[in-house]
PDB file of all heavy atoms in Angstrom:
ATOM      1  N   GLY A   1      -7.254 -12.676  13.654  1.00  0.00           N
ATOM      2  CA  GLY A   1      -8.319 -12.213  14.530  1.00  0.00           C
ATOM      3  C   GLY A   1      -8.002 -10.934  15.276  1.00  0.00           C
ATOM      4  O   GLY A   1      -8.807 -10.469  16.081  1.00  0.00           O
ATOM      5  N   LEU A   2      -6.835 -10.349  15.023  1.00  0.00           N
ATOM      6  CA  LEU A   2      -6.463  -9.098  15.660  1.00  0.00           C
ATOM      7  C   LEU A   2      -6.860  -7.926  14.774  1.00  0.00           C
ATOM      8  O   LEU A   2      -6.920  -8.052  13.552  1.00  0.00           O
ATOM      9  CB  LEU A   2      -4.951  -9.042  15.893  1.00  0.00           C
ATOM     10  CG  LEU A   2      -4.308 -10.203  16.662  1.00  0.00           C
ATOM     11  CD1 LEU A   2      -2.799 -10.044  16.653  1.00  0.00           C
ATOM     12  CD2 LEU A   2      -4.831 -10.256  18.086  1.00  0.00           C
ATOM     13  N   SER A   3      -7.087  -6.791  15.384  1.00  0.00           N
ATOM     14  CA  SER A   3      -7.314  -5.561  14.632  1.00  0.00           C
ATOM     15  C   SER A   3      -6.162  -4.607  14.910  1.00  0.00           C
ATOM     16  O   SER A   3      -5.641  -4.549  16.028  1.00  0.00           O
ATOM     17  CB  SER A   3      -8.642  -4.907  15.034  1.00  0.00           C
ATOM     18  OG  SER A   3      -9.724  -5.718  14.633  1.00  0.00           O
ATOM     19  N   ILE A   4      -5.758  -3.859  13.892  1.00  0.00           N
ATOM     20  CA  ILE A   4      -4.636  -2.939  14.013  1.00  0.00           C
ATOM     21  C   ILE A   4      -5.088  -1.561  13.576  1.00  0.00           C
ATOM     22  O   ILE A   4      -5.710  -1.406  12.516  1.00  0.00           O
ATOM     23  CB  ILE A   4      -3.451  -3.397  13.138  1.00  0.00           C
ATOM     24  CG1 ILE A   4      -2.972  -4.791  13.556  1.00  0.00           C
ATOM     25  CG2 ILE A   4      -2.302  -2.401  13.208  1.00  0.00           C
ATOM     26  CD1 ILE A   4      -1.905  -5.363  12.630  1.00  0.00           C
ATOM     27  N   VAL A   5      -4.764  -0.559  14.384  1.00  0.00           N
ATOM     28  CA  VAL A   5      -5.008   0.821  13.996  1.00  0.00           C
ATOM     29  C   VAL A   5      -3.792   1.288  13.205  1.00  0.00           C
ATOM     30  O   VAL A   5      -2.685   1.361  13.733  1.00  0.00           O
ATOM     31  CB  VAL A   5      -5.226   1.717  15.223  1.00  0.00           C
ATOM     32  CG1 VAL A   5      -5.399   3.182  14.784  1.00  0.00           C
ATOM     33  CG2 VAL A   5      -6.445   1.260  16.013  1.00  0.00           C
ATOM     34  N   VAL A   6      -3.984   1.582  11.942  1.00  0.00           N
ATOM     35  CA  VAL A   6      -2.879   1.986  11.064  1.00  0.00           C
ATOM     36  C   VAL A   6      -2.814   3.511  11.035  1.00  0.00           C
ATOM     37  O   VAL A   6      -3.794   4.169  10.657  1.00  0.00           O
ATOM     38  CB  VAL A   6      -3.079   1.420   9.642  1.00  0.00           C
ATOM     39  CG1 VAL A   6      -1.951   1.860   8.728  1.00  0.00           C
ATOM     40  CG2 VAL A   6      -3.144  -0.109   9.697  1.00  0.00           C
ATOM     41  N   PRO A   7      -1.700   4.099  11.428  1.00  0.00           N
ATOM     42  CA  PRO A   7      -1.660   5.557  11.596  1.00  0.00           C
ATOM     43  C   PRO A   7      -1.485   6.362  10.317  1.00  0.00           C
ATOM     44  O   PRO A   7      -1.624   7.576  10.334  1.00  0.00           O
ATOM     45  CB  PRO A   7      -0.438   5.761  12.509  1.00  0.00           C
ATOM     46  CG  PRO A   7       0.436   4.575  12.235  1.00  0.00           C
ATOM     47  CD  PRO A   7      -0.490   3.439  11.918  1.00  0.00           C
ATOM     48  N   HIS A   8      -1.166   5.709   9.195  1.00  0.00           N
ATOM     49  CA  HIS A   8      -0.875   6.442   7.973  1.00  0.00           C
ATOM     50  C   HIS A   8      -1.689   5.908   6.797  1.00  0.00           C
ATOM     51  O   HIS A   8      -1.976   4.713   6.713  1.00  0.00           O
ATOM     52  CB  HIS A   8       0.611   6.357   7.620  1.00  0.00           C
ATOM     53  CG  HIS A   8       1.506   6.920   8.674  1.00  0.00           C
ATOM     54  ND1 HIS A   8       1.743   8.270   8.825  1.00  0.00           N
ATOM     55  CD2 HIS A   8       2.221   6.306   9.654  1.00  0.00           C
ATOM     56  CE1 HIS A   8       2.570   8.471   9.836  1.00  0.00           C
ATOM     57  NE2 HIS A   8       2.870   7.292  10.362  1.00  0.00           N
ATOM     58  N   GLY A   9      -2.008   6.803   5.877  1.00  0.00           N
ATOM     59  CA  GLY A   9      -2.629   6.420   4.620  1.00  0.00           C
ATOM     60  C   GLY A   9      -1.582   6.306   3.527  1.00  0.00           C
ATOM     61  O   GLY A   9      -0.361   6.340   3.786  1.00  0.00           O
ATOM     62  N   LEU A  10      -2.022   6.209   2.293  1.00  0.00           N
ATOM     63  CA  LEU A  10      -1.104   6.040   1.168  1.00  0.00           C
ATOM     64  C   LEU A  10      -0.214   7.248   0.943  1.00  0.00           C
ATOM     65  O   LEU A  10       0.782   7.164   0.224  1.00  0.00           O
ATOM     66  CB  LEU A  10      -1.898   5.733  -0.102  1.00  0.00           C
ATOM     67  CG  LEU A  10      -2.562   4.355  -0.169  1.00  0.00           C
ATOM     68  CD1 LEU A  10      -3.324   4.209  -1.489  1.00  0.00           C
ATOM     69  CD2 LEU A  10      -1.533   3.242  -0.025  1.00  0.00           C
ATOM     70  N   SER A  11      -0.541   8.372   1.576  1.00  0.00           N
ATOM     71  CA  SER A  11       0.313   9.549   1.433  1.00  0.00           C
ATOM     72  C   SER A  11       1.717   9.288   1.976  1.00  0.00           C
ATOM     73  O   SER A  11       2.674   9.978   1.597  1.00  0.00           O
ATOM     74  CB  SER A  11      -0.310  10.744   2.161  1.00  0.00           C
ATOM     75  OG  SER A  11      -0.483  10.453   3.551  1.00  0.00           O
ATOM     76  N   ALA A  12       1.853   8.260   2.847  1.00  0.00           N
ATOM     77  CA  ALA A  12       3.182   7.916   3.369  1.00  0.00           C
ATOM     78  C   ALA A  12       4.125   7.481   2.265  1.00  0.00           C
ATOM     79  O   ALA A  12       5.344   7.627   2.381  1.00  0.00           O
ATOM     80  CB  ALA A  12       3.053   6.808   4.426  1.00  0.00           C
ATOM     81  N   LEU A  13       3.570   6.951   1.168  1.00  0.00           N
ATOM     82  CA  LEU A  13       4.419   6.494   0.066  1.00  0.00           C
ATOM     83  C   LEU A  13       5.040   7.657  -0.700  1.00  0.00           C
ATOM     84  O   LEU A  13       6.029   7.489  -1.401  1.00  0.00           O
ATOM     85  CB  LEU A  13       3.613   5.619  -0.901  1.00  0.00           C
ATOM     86  CG  LEU A  13       3.520   4.120  -0.560  1.00  0.00           C
ATOM     87  CD1 LEU A  13       2.813   3.902   0.765  1.00  0.00           C
ATOM     88  CD2 LEU A  13       2.807   3.356  -1.673  1.00  0.00           C
ATOM     89  N   GLU A  14       4.460   8.856  -0.546  1.00  0.00           N
ATOM     90  CA  GLU A  14       4.951  10.004  -1.302  1.00  0.00           C
ATOM     91  C   GLU A  14       6.326  10.473  -0.827  1.00  0.00           C
ATOM     92  O   GLU A  14       7.070  11.100  -1.579  1.00  0.00           O
ATOM     93  CB  GLU A  14       3.939  11.152  -1.200  1.00  0.00           C
ATOM     94  CG  GLU A  14       2.597  10.829  -1.847  1.00  0.00           C
ATOM     95  CD  GLU A  14       1.560  11.912  -1.605  1.00  0.00           C
ATOM     96  OE1 GLU A  14       1.939  12.965  -1.019  1.00  0.00           O
ATOM     97  OE2 GLU A  14       0.388  11.716  -1.986  1.00  0.00           O
ATOM     98  N   GLU A  15       6.656  10.173   0.426  1.00  0.00           N
ATOM     99  CA  GLU A  15       7.941  10.595   0.982  1.00  0.00           C
ATOM    100  C   GLU A  15       8.888   9.432   1.243  1.00  0.00           C
ATOM    101  O   GLU A  15      10.062   9.642   1.535  1.00  0.00           O
ATOM    102  CB  GLU A  15       7.724  11.338   2.296  1.00  0.00           C
ATOM    103  CG  GLU A  15       6.877  12.580   2.214  1.00  0.00           C
ATOM    104  CD  GLU A  15       6.725  13.215   3.583  1.00  0.00           C
ATOM    105  OE1 GLU A  15       5.892  12.710   4.360  1.00  0.00           O
ATOM    106  OE2 GLU A  15       7.450  14.175   3.862  1.00  0.00           O
ATOM    107  N   ALA A  16       8.394   8.213   1.158  1.00  0.00           N
ATOM    108  CA  ALA A  16       9.177   7.052   1.591  1.00  0.00           C
ATOM    109  C   ALA A  16      10.427   6.843   0.746  1.00  0.00           C
ATOM    110  O   ALA A  16      10.400   6.970  -0.477  1.00  0.00           O
ATOM    111  CB  ALA A  16       8.309   5.805   1.566  1.00  0.00           C
ATOM    112  N   ASP A  17      11.523   6.507   1.435  1.00  0.00           N
ATOM    113  CA  ASP A  17      12.745   6.098   0.748  1.00  0.00           C
ATOM    114  C   ASP A  17      12.656   4.628   0.351  1.00  0.00           C
ATOM    115  O   ASP A  17      13.231   4.215  -0.655  1.00  0.00           O
ATOM    116  CB  ASP A  17      13.957   6.318   1.661  1.00  0.00           C
ATOM    117  CG  ASP A  17      14.125   7.773   2.038  1.00  0.00           C
ATOM    118  OD1 ASP A  17      14.511   8.568   1.157  1.00  0.00           O
ATOM    119  OD2 ASP A  17      13.839   8.113   3.205  1.00  0.00           O
ATOM    120  N   ILE A  18      11.957   3.843   1.175  1.00  0.00           N
ATOM    121  CA  ILE A  18      11.764   2.416   0.914  1.00  0.00           C
ATOM    122  C   ILE A  18      10.289   2.088   1.146  1.00  0.00           C
ATOM    123  O   ILE A  18       9.732   2.435   2.198  1.00  0.00           O
ATOM    124  CB  ILE A  18      12.645   1.542   1.836  1.00  0.00           C
ATOM    125  CG1 ILE A  18      14.128   1.885   1.661  1.00  0.00           C
ATOM    126  CG2 ILE A  18      12.409   0.060   1.546  1.00  0.00           C
ATOM    127  CD1 ILE A  18      15.042   1.149   2.639  1.00  0.00           C
ATOM    128  N   VAL A  19       9.666   1.444   0.186  1.00  0.00           N
ATOM    129  CA  VAL A  19       8.278   0.985   0.315  1.00  0.00           C
ATOM    130  C   VAL A  19       8.302  -0.538   0.364  1.00  0.00           C
ATOM    131  O   VAL A  19       8.817  -1.191  -0.555  1.00  0.00           O
ATOM    132  CB  VAL A  19       7.415   1.462  -0.873  1.00  0.00           C
ATOM    133  CG1 VAL A  19       6.001   0.885  -0.765  1.00  0.00           C
ATOM    134  CG2 VAL A  19       7.374   2.983  -0.935  1.00  0.00           C
ATOM    135  N   ILE A  20       7.758  -1.102   1.437  1.00  0.00           N
ATOM    136  CA  ILE A  20       7.771  -2.555   1.619  1.00  0.00           C
ATOM    137  C   ILE A  20       6.339  -3.088   1.626  1.00  0.00           C
ATOM    138  O   ILE A  20       5.494  -2.614   2.394  1.00  0.00           O
ATOM    139  CB  ILE A  20       8.473  -2.949   2.937  1.00  0.00           C
ATOM    140  CG1 ILE A  20       9.914  -2.427   2.946  1.00  0.00           C
ATOM    141  CG2 ILE A  20       8.459  -4.467   3.120  1.00  0.00           C
ATOM    142  CD1 ILE A  20      10.650  -2.676   4.251  1.00  0.00           C
ATOM    143  N   ILE A  21       6.090  -4.074   0.780  1.00  0.00           N
ATOM    144  CA  ILE A  21       4.794  -4.759   0.757  1.00  0.00           C
ATOM    145  C   ILE A  21       5.036  -6.152   1.319  1.00  0.00           C
ATOM    146  O   ILE A  21       5.602  -7.026   0.646  1.00  0.00           O
ATOM    147  CB  ILE A  21       4.224  -4.831  -0.675  1.00  0.00           C
ATOM    148  CG1 ILE A  21       4.224  -3.431  -1.296  1.00  0.00           C
ATOM    149  CG2 ILE A  21       2.818  -5.405  -0.665  1.00  0.00           C
ATOM    150  CD1 ILE A  21       3.976  -3.409  -2.773  1.00  0.00           C
ATOM    151  N   PRO A  22       4.664  -6.400   2.596  1.00  0.00           N
ATOM    152  CA  PRO A  22       5.070  -7.631   3.273  1.00  0.00           C
ATOM    153  C   PRO A  22       4.371  -8.891   2.780  1.00  0.00           C
ATOM    154  O   PRO A  22       4.851 -10.001   3.039  1.00  0.00           O
ATOM    155  CB  PRO A  22       4.706  -7.371   4.745  1.00  0.00           C
ATOM    156  CG  PRO A  22       4.391  -5.913   4.824  1.00  0.00           C
ATOM    157  CD  PRO A  22       3.926  -5.512   3.467  1.00  0.00           C
ATOM    158  N   SER A  23       3.247  -8.738   2.107  1.00  0.00           N
ATOM    159  CA  SER A  23       2.492  -9.880   1.584  1.00  0.00           C
ATOM    160  C   SER A  23       1.405  -9.301   0.680  1.00  0.00           C
ATOM    161  O   SER A  23       1.422  -8.110   0.373  1.00  0.00           O
ATOM    162  CB  SER A  23       1.901 -10.716   2.725  1.00  0.00           C
ATOM    163  OG  SER A  23       1.250 -11.857   2.220  1.00  0.00           O
ATOM    164  N   TRP A  24       0.480 -10.135   0.246  1.00  0.00           N
ATOM    165  CA  TRP A  24      -0.648  -9.630  -0.536  1.00  0.00           C
ATOM    166  C   TRP A  24      -1.757 -10.662  -0.512  1.00  0.00           C
ATOM    167  O   TRP A  24      -1.554 -11.816  -0.118  1.00  0.00           O
ATOM    168  CB  TRP A  24      -0.228  -9.300  -1.969  1.00  0.00           C
ATOM    169  CG  TRP A  24      -1.180  -8.369  -2.662  1.00  0.00           C
ATOM    170  CD1 TRP A  24      -1.887  -8.604  -3.812  1.00  0.00           C
ATOM    171  CD2 TRP A  24      -1.529  -7.049  -2.237  1.00  0.00           C
ATOM    172  NE1 TRP A  24      -2.656  -7.503  -4.126  1.00  0.00           N
ATOM    173  CE2 TRP A  24      -2.459  -6.532  -3.172  1.00  0.00           C
ATOM    174  CE3 TRP A  24      -1.160  -6.253  -1.146  1.00  0.00           C
ATOM    175  CZ2 TRP A  24      -3.028  -5.267  -3.051  1.00  0.00           C
ATOM    176  CZ3 TRP A  24      -1.720  -4.988  -1.026  1.00  0.00           C
ATOM    177  CH2 TRP A  24      -2.630  -4.514  -1.973  1.00  0.00           C
ATOM    178  N   LYS A  25      -2.960 -10.231  -0.899  1.00  0.00           N
ATOM    179  CA  LYS A  25      -4.103 -11.136  -1.010  1.00  0.00           C
ATOM    180  C   LYS A  25      -4.821 -10.821  -2.309  1.00  0.00           C
ATOM    181  O   LYS A  25      -4.424  -9.909  -3.046  1.00  0.00           O
ATOM    182  CB  LYS A  25      -5.048 -10.968   0.184  1.00  0.00           C
ATOM    183  CG  LYS A  25      -5.709  -9.592   0.246  1.00  0.00           C
ATOM    184  CD  LYS A  25      -6.802  -9.562   1.300  1.00  0.00           C
ATOM    185  CE  LYS A  25      -7.595  -8.262   1.239  1.00  0.00           C
ATOM    186  NZ  LYS A  25      -8.739  -8.257   2.155  1.00  0.00           N
ATOM    187  N   ASP A  26      -5.848 -11.594  -2.602  1.00  0.00           N
ATOM    188  CA  ASP A  26      -6.611 -11.395  -3.850  1.00  0.00           C
ATOM    189  C   ASP A  26      -5.642 -11.280  -5.028  1.00  0.00           C
ATOM    190  O   ASP A  26      -5.622 -10.284  -5.767  1.00  0.00           O
ATOM    191  CB  ASP A  26      -7.491 -10.146  -3.756  1.00  0.00           C
ATOM    192  CG  ASP A  26      -8.456 -10.197  -2.578  1.00  0.00           C
ATOM    193  OD1 ASP A  26      -8.908 -11.319  -2.242  1.00  0.00           O
ATOM    194  OD2 ASP A  26      -8.742  -9.140  -1.999  1.00  0.00           O
ATOM    195  N   LEU A  27      -4.840 -12.312  -5.188  1.00  0.00           N
ATOM    196  CA  LEU A  27      -3.695 -12.240  -6.094  1.00  0.00           C
ATOM    197  C   LEU A  27      -4.076 -11.973  -7.543  1.00  0.00           C
ATOM    198  O   LEU A  27      -3.290 -11.386  -8.291  1.00  0.00           O
ATOM    199  CB  LEU A  27      -2.898 -13.542  -6.005  1.00  0.00           C
ATOM    200  CG  LEU A  27      -2.411 -13.941  -4.600  1.00  0.00           C
ATOM    201  CD1 LEU A  27      -1.579 -15.210  -4.659  1.00  0.00           C
ATOM    202  CD2 LEU A  27      -1.639 -12.816  -3.939  1.00  0.00           C
ATOM    203  N   GLU A  28      -5.252 -12.390  -7.939  1.00  0.00           N
ATOM    204  CA  GLU A  28      -5.634 -12.235  -9.341  1.00  0.00           C
ATOM    205  C   GLU A  28      -6.482 -10.995  -9.603  1.00  0.00           C
ATOM    206  O   GLU A  28      -6.822 -10.715 -10.754  1.00  0.00           O
ATOM    207  CB  GLU A  28      -6.366 -13.498  -9.812  1.00  0.00           C
ATOM    208  CG  GLU A  28      -5.499 -14.747  -9.685  1.00  0.00           C
ATOM    209  CD  GLU A  28      -6.123 -15.975 -10.326  1.00  0.00           C
ATOM    210  OE1 GLU A  28      -7.072 -15.801 -11.113  1.00  0.00           O
ATOM    211  OE2 GLU A  28      -5.664 -17.088 -10.044  1.00  0.00           O
ATOM    212  N   ASP A  29      -6.801 -10.242  -8.549  1.00  0.00           N
ATOM    213  CA  ASP A  29      -7.609  -9.033  -8.731  1.00  0.00           C
ATOM    214  C   ASP A  29      -6.715  -7.853  -9.111  1.00  0.00           C
ATOM    215  O   ASP A  29      -5.576  -7.751  -8.650  1.00  0.00           O
ATOM    216  CB  ASP A  29      -8.371  -8.698  -7.451  1.00  0.00           C
ATOM    217  CG  ASP A  29      -9.445  -9.720  -7.133  1.00  0.00           C
ATOM    218  OD1 ASP A  29      -9.743 -10.549  -8.021  1.00  0.00           O
ATOM    219  OD2 ASP A  29      -9.974  -9.693  -6.013  1.00  0.00           O
ATOM    220  N   PRO A  30      -7.220  -6.940  -9.931  1.00  0.00           N
ATOM    221  CA  PRO A  30      -6.445  -5.731 -10.248  1.00  0.00           C
ATOM    222  C   PRO A  30      -6.195  -4.913  -8.979  1.00  0.00           C
ATOM    223  O   PRO A  30      -7.015  -4.916  -8.056  1.00  0.00           O
ATOM    224  CB  PRO A  30      -7.349  -4.970 -11.223  1.00  0.00           C
ATOM    225  CG  PRO A  30      -8.344  -5.975 -11.718  1.00  0.00           C
ATOM    226  CD  PRO A  30      -8.524  -6.975 -10.621  1.00  0.00           C
ATOM    227  N   LEU A  31      -5.066  -4.222  -8.930  1.00  0.00           N
ATOM    228  CA  LEU A  31      -4.792  -3.349  -7.797  1.00  0.00           C
ATOM    229  C   LEU A  31      -5.787  -2.189  -7.791  1.00  0.00           C
ATOM    230  O   LEU A  31      -6.190  -1.693  -8.849  1.00  0.00           O
ATOM    231  CB  LEU A  31      -3.382  -2.760  -7.887  1.00  0.00           C
ATOM    232  CG  LEU A  31      -2.178  -3.665  -7.646  1.00  0.00           C
ATOM    233  CD1 LEU A  31      -0.923  -2.818  -7.527  1.00  0.00           C
ATOM    234  CD2 LEU A  31      -2.348  -4.537  -6.430  1.00  0.00           C
ATOM    235  N   ALA A  32      -6.157  -1.765  -6.606  1.00  0.00           N
ATOM    236  CA  ALA A  32      -6.972  -0.558  -6.491  1.00  0.00           C
ATOM    237  C   ALA A  32      -6.197   0.607  -7.106  1.00  0.00           C
ATOM    238  O   ALA A  32      -4.991   0.755  -6.883  1.00  0.00           O
ATOM    239  CB  ALA A  32      -7.297  -0.279  -5.029  1.00  0.00           C
ATOM    240  N   ALA A  33      -6.872   1.422  -7.880  1.00  0.00           N
ATOM    241  CA  ALA A  33      -6.210   2.492  -8.625  1.00  0.00           C
ATOM    242  C   ALA A  33      -5.377   3.423  -7.736  1.00  0.00           C
ATOM    243  O   ALA A  33      -4.238   3.763  -8.099  1.00  0.00           O
ATOM    244  CB  ALA A  33      -7.244   3.286  -9.413  1.00  0.00           C
ATOM    245  N   PRO A  34      -5.871   3.844  -6.555  1.00  0.00           N
ATOM    246  CA  PRO A  34      -5.050   4.746  -5.725  1.00  0.00           C
ATOM    247  C   PRO A  34      -3.734   4.103  -5.289  1.00  0.00           C
ATOM    248  O   PRO A  34      -2.698   4.763  -5.259  1.00  0.00           O
ATOM    249  CB  PRO A  34      -5.952   5.035  -4.523  1.00  0.00           C
ATOM    250  CG  PRO A  34      -7.341   4.796  -5.027  1.00  0.00           C
ATOM    251  CD  PRO A  34      -7.221   3.654  -5.983  1.00  0.00           C
ATOM    252  N   PHE A  35      -3.778   2.804  -4.953  1.00  0.00           N
ATOM    253  CA  PHE A  35      -2.562   2.111  -4.531  1.00  0.00           C
ATOM    254  C   PHE A  35      -1.613   1.926  -5.708  1.00  0.00           C
ATOM    255  O   PHE A  35      -0.397   2.141  -5.597  1.00  0.00           O
ATOM    256  CB  PHE A  35      -2.927   0.770  -3.906  1.00  0.00           C
ATOM    257  CG  PHE A  35      -1.740  -0.018  -3.411  1.00  0.00           C
ATOM    258  CD1 PHE A  35      -0.711   0.605  -2.733  1.00  0.00           C
ATOM    259  CD2 PHE A  35      -1.661  -1.396  -3.631  1.00  0.00           C
ATOM    260  CE1 PHE A  35       0.390  -0.126  -2.263  1.00  0.00           C
ATOM    261  CE2 PHE A  35      -0.577  -2.119  -3.179  1.00  0.00           C
ATOM    262  CZ  PHE A  35       0.440  -1.483  -2.489  1.00  0.00           C
ATOM    263  N   LYS A  36      -2.153   1.545  -6.844  1.00  0.00           N
ATOM    264  CA  LYS A  36      -1.327   1.368  -8.039  1.00  0.00           C
ATOM    265  C   LYS A  36      -0.619   2.671  -8.406  1.00  0.00           C
ATOM    266  O   LYS A  36       0.596   2.681  -8.674  1.00  0.00           O
ATOM    267  CB  LYS A  36      -2.205   0.894  -9.201  1.00  0.00           C
ATOM    268  CG  LYS A  36      -1.439   0.617 -10.482  1.00  0.00           C
ATOM    269  CD  LYS A  36      -2.383   0.049 -11.551  1.00  0.00           C
ATOM    270  CE  LYS A  36      -1.638  -0.265 -12.846  1.00  0.00           C
ATOM    271  NZ  LYS A  36      -2.536  -0.866 -13.863  1.00  0.00           N
ATOM    272  N   ASP A  37      -1.358   3.764  -8.384  1.00  0.00           N
ATOM    273  CA  ASP A  37      -0.778   5.060  -8.718  1.00  0.00           C
ATOM    274  C   ASP A  37       0.294   5.453  -7.715  1.00  0.00           C
ATOM    275  O   ASP A  37       1.350   5.987  -8.085  1.00  0.00           O
ATOM    276  CB  ASP A  37      -1.870   6.136  -8.760  1.00  0.00           C
ATOM    277  CG  ASP A  37      -2.847   5.943  -9.914  1.00  0.00           C
ATOM    278  OD1 ASP A  37      -2.498   5.183 -10.843  1.00  0.00           O
ATOM    279  OD2 ASP A  37      -3.943   6.528  -9.864  1.00  0.00           O
ATOM    280  N   ALA A  38       0.038   5.203  -6.420  1.00  0.00           N
ATOM    281  CA  ALA A  38       1.004   5.568  -5.378  1.00  0.00           C
ATOM    282  C   ALA A  38       2.299   4.781  -5.530  1.00  0.00           C
ATOM    283  O   ALA A  38       3.404   5.336  -5.372  1.00  0.00           O
ATOM    284  CB  ALA A  38       0.398   5.340  -3.999  1.00  0.00           C
ATOM    285  N   LEU A  39       2.180   3.484  -5.852  1.00  0.00           N
ATOM    286  CA  LEU A  39       3.377   2.664  -6.069  1.00  0.00           C
ATOM    287  C   LEU A  39       4.168   3.158  -7.275  1.00  0.00           C
ATOM    288  O   LEU A  39       5.402   3.270  -7.226  1.00  0.00           O
ATOM    289  CB  LEU A  39       2.973   1.202  -6.290  1.00  0.00           C
ATOM    290  CG  LEU A  39       2.887   0.281  -5.078  1.00  0.00           C
ATOM    291  CD1 LEU A  39       2.535  -1.134  -5.529  1.00  0.00           C
ATOM    292  CD2 LEU A  39       4.190   0.271  -4.297  1.00  0.00           C
ATOM    293  N   GLN A  40       3.479   3.444  -8.334  1.00  0.00           N
ATOM    294  CA  GLN A  40       4.149   3.912  -9.544  1.00  0.00           C
ATOM    295  C   GLN A  40       4.855   5.242  -9.327  1.00  0.00           C
ATOM    296  O   GLN A  40       5.978   5.452  -9.777  1.00  0.00           O
ATOM    297  CB  GLN A  40       3.153   4.002 -10.701  1.00  0.00           C
ATOM    298  CG  GLN A  40       2.637   2.645 -11.176  1.00  0.00           C
ATOM    299  CD  GLN A  40       1.542   2.766 -12.217  1.00  0.00           C
ATOM    300  OE1 GLN A  40       0.893   3.808 -12.337  1.00  0.00           O
ATOM    301  NE2 GLN A  40       1.323   1.696 -12.980  1.00  0.00           N
ATOM    302  N   ARG A  41       4.184   6.154  -8.605  1.00  0.00           N
ATOM    303  CA  ARG A  41       4.807   7.450  -8.324  1.00  0.00           C
ATOM    304  C   ARG A  41       6.043   7.284  -7.446  1.00  0.00           C
ATOM    305  O   ARG A  41       7.081   7.922  -7.683  1.00  0.00           O
ATOM    306  CB  ARG A  41       3.803   8.383  -7.640  1.00  0.00           C
ATOM    307  CG  ARG A  41       2.726   8.928  -8.566  1.00  0.00           C
ATOM    308  CD  ARG A  41       2.040  10.139  -7.929  1.00  0.00           C
ATOM    309  NE  ARG A  41       1.490   9.842  -6.611  1.00  0.00           N
ATOM    310  CZ  ARG A  41       0.263   9.370  -6.405  1.00  0.00           C
ATOM    311  NH1 ARG A  41      -0.542   9.120  -7.442  1.00  0.00           N
ATOM    312  NH2 ARG A  41      -0.170   9.141  -5.188  1.00  0.00           N
ATOM    313  N   ALA A  42       5.945   6.427  -6.429  1.00  0.00           N
ATOM    314  CA  ALA A  42       7.090   6.196  -5.550  1.00  0.00           C
ATOM    315  C   ALA A  42       8.272   5.636  -6.338  1.00  0.00           C
ATOM    316  O   ALA A  42       9.426   6.037  -6.138  1.00  0.00           O
ATOM    317  CB  ALA A  42       6.693   5.245  -4.419  1.00  0.00           C
TER     318      ALA A  42
END
């Protein structure tokens, strides 16, 4: 029930030394293309 203001977009993955995905939802749905591409590039 909390809302969080997230200060960064996926561009943060372009410089990250470590990318952490703490959990996930919609386990059987395909990843959104921008996120999938960002993970692969990282």
